[in-house]
Amino acid sequence: MPKKDSLPVQLGKYYGMIFVLPAAVLVGFGIGYVLDKLFHTGFLKIVFLLLGVVAGMIDLFRELSKDDPAK
């Protein structure tokens, strides 16, 4: 039987996941903003914003699936 994490460890892990999605979205938007300024375009912010959302969701699902007791 695997050892369970203590309550503070679990709270810290899940509290850290709160910041995963917003951080990925902000990084994606920031990259798109810089590339828009560099190439004088206006659509890269949206493209990289969406890529940030997808990357954040994938990372969130991966972290949550580690704790899935069915596996």
C-alpha atoms as a PDB file:
ATOM      1  CA  MET A   1       0.000   0.000   0.000  1.00  0.00           C
ATOM      2  CA  PRO A   2       1.547   3.334  -1.029  1.00  0.00           C
ATOM      3  CA  LYS A   3       2.164   5.869   1.693  1.00  0.00           C
ATOM      4  CA  LYS A   4      -0.336   8.732   1.715  1.00  0.00           C
ATOM      5  CA  ASP A   5       0.948  12.281   1.734  1.00  0.00           C
ATOM      6  CA  SER A   6       0.208  14.275   4.826  1.00  0.00           C
ATOM      7  CA  LEU A   7      -2.480  16.942   4.739  1.00  0.00           C
ATOM      8  CA  PRO A   8      -0.056  19.906   4.476  1.00  0.00           C
ATOM      9  CA  VAL A   9       1.760  18.224   1.583  1.00  0.00           C
ATOM     10  CA  GLN A  10      -1.511  17.583  -0.255  1.00  0.00           C
ATOM     11  CA  LEU A  11      -2.703  21.145   0.361  1.00  0.00           C
ATOM     12  CA  GLY A  12       0.575  22.531  -0.939  1.00  0.00           C
ATOM     13  CA  LYS A  13       0.401  20.381  -4.056  1.00  0.00           C
ATOM     14  CA  TYR A  14      -3.169  21.366  -4.889  1.00  0.00           C
ATOM     15  CA  TYR A  15      -2.588  25.009  -3.976  1.00  0.00           C
ATOM     16  CA  GLY A  16       0.314  25.083  -6.425  1.00  0.00           C
ATOM     17  CA  MET A  17      -1.943  23.722  -9.176  1.00  0.00           C
ATOM     18  CA  ILE A  18      -4.161  26.801  -8.805  1.00  0.00           C
ATOM     19  CA  PHE A  19      -1.428  28.851 -10.455  1.00  0.00           C
ATOM     20  CA  VAL A  20      -0.649  26.453 -13.320  1.00  0.00           C
ATOM     21  CA  LEU A  21      -3.408  27.530 -15.709  1.00  0.00           C
ATOM     22  CA  PRO A  22      -3.160  31.325 -15.176  1.00  0.00           C
ATOM     23  CA  ALA A  23       0.627  31.187 -15.457  1.00  0.00           C
ATOM     24  CA  ALA A  24       0.473  29.231 -18.726  1.00  0.00           C
ATOM     25  CA  VAL A  25      -2.093  31.669 -20.132  1.00  0.00           C
ATOM     26  CA  LEU A  26      -0.017  34.709 -19.151  1.00  0.00           C
ATOM     27  CA  VAL A  27       3.166  33.235 -20.585  1.00  0.00           C
ATOM     28  CA  GLY A  28       1.391  32.351 -23.825  1.00  0.00           C
ATOM     29  CA  PHE A  29      -0.099  35.820 -24.110  1.00  0.00           C
ATOM     30  CA  GLY A  30       3.259  37.427 -23.309  1.00  0.00           C
ATOM     31  CA  ILE A  31       5.038  35.451 -26.005  1.00  0.00           C
ATOM     32  CA  GLY A  32       2.318  36.343 -28.506  1.00  0.00           C
ATOM     33  CA  TYR A  33       2.469  40.006 -27.528  1.00  0.00           C
ATOM     34  CA  VAL A  34       6.232  40.170 -28.005  1.00  0.00           C
ATOM     35  CA  LEU A  35       6.020  38.371 -31.355  1.00  0.00           C
ATOM     36  CA  ASP A  36       3.200  40.698 -32.471  1.00  0.00           C
ATOM     37  CA  LYS A  37       5.356  43.725 -31.709  1.00  0.00           C
ATOM     38  CA  LEU A  38       8.368  42.134 -33.389  1.00  0.00           C
ATOM     39  CA  PHE A  39       6.570  41.134 -36.603  1.00  0.00           C
ATOM     40  CA  HIS A  40       3.958  43.949 -36.646  1.00  0.00           C
ATOM     41  CA  THR A  41       1.009  41.565 -36.611  1.00  0.00           C
ATOM     42  CA  GLY A  42      -2.106  41.386 -34.468  1.00  0.00           C
ATOM     43  CA  PHE A  43      -3.141  37.750 -34.345  1.00  0.00           C
ATOM     44  CA  LEU A  44      -0.246  36.046 -32.580  1.00  0.00           C
ATOM     45  CA  LYS A  45      -1.493  37.150 -29.147  1.00  0.00           C
ATOM     46  CA  ILE A  46      -4.643  35.111 -29.686  1.00  0.00           C
ATOM     47  CA  VAL A  47      -2.793  32.097 -31.095  1.00  0.00           C
ATOM     48  CA  PHE A  48      -0.331  31.929 -28.214  1.00  0.00           C
ATOM     49  CA  LEU A  49      -3.060  32.696 -25.688  1.00  0.00           C
ATOM     50  CA  LEU A  50      -4.938  29.625 -26.895  1.00  0.00           C
ATOM     51  CA  LEU A  51      -1.735  27.580 -26.857  1.00  0.00           C
ATOM     52  CA  GLY A  52      -1.183  28.707 -23.269  1.00  0.00           C
ATOM     53  CA  VAL A  53      -4.692  27.598 -22.299  1.00  0.00           C
ATOM     54  CA  VAL A  54      -4.151  24.196 -23.907  1.00  0.00           C
ATOM     55  CA  ALA A  55      -0.729  23.783 -22.289  1.00  0.00           C
ATOM     56  CA  GLY A  56      -2.124  24.750 -18.889  1.00  0.00           C
ATOM     57  CA  MET A  57      -5.021  22.314 -19.182  1.00  0.00           C
ATOM     58  CA  ILE A  58      -2.712  19.465 -20.232  1.00  0.00           C
ATOM     59  CA  ASP A  59      -0.388  20.136 -17.315  1.00  0.00           C
ATOM     60  CA  LEU A  60      -3.331  20.372 -14.913  1.00  0.00           C
ATOM     61  CA  PHE A  61      -4.786  17.074 -16.129  1.00  0.00           C
ATOM     62  CA  ARG A  62      -1.391  15.380 -15.869  1.00  0.00           C
ATOM     63  CA  GLU A  63      -0.958  16.534 -12.288  1.00  0.00           C
ATOM     64  CA  LEU A  64      -4.467  15.462 -11.330  1.00  0.00           C
ATOM     65  CA  SER A  65      -4.126  12.076 -13.008  1.00  0.00           C
ATOM     66  CA  LYS A  66      -1.084  11.311 -10.843  1.00  0.00           C
ATOM     67  CA  ASP A  67      -3.424  11.315  -7.836  1.00  0.00           C
ATOM     68  CA  ASP A  68      -6.089   9.151  -9.495  1.00  0.00           C
ATOM     69  CA  PRO A  69      -6.642   6.132  -7.244  1.00  0.00           C
ATOM     70  CA  ALA A  70      -7.959   4.063 -10.184  1.00  0.00           C
ATOM     71  CA  LYS A  71      -4.447   3.754 -11.644  1.00  0.00           C
END
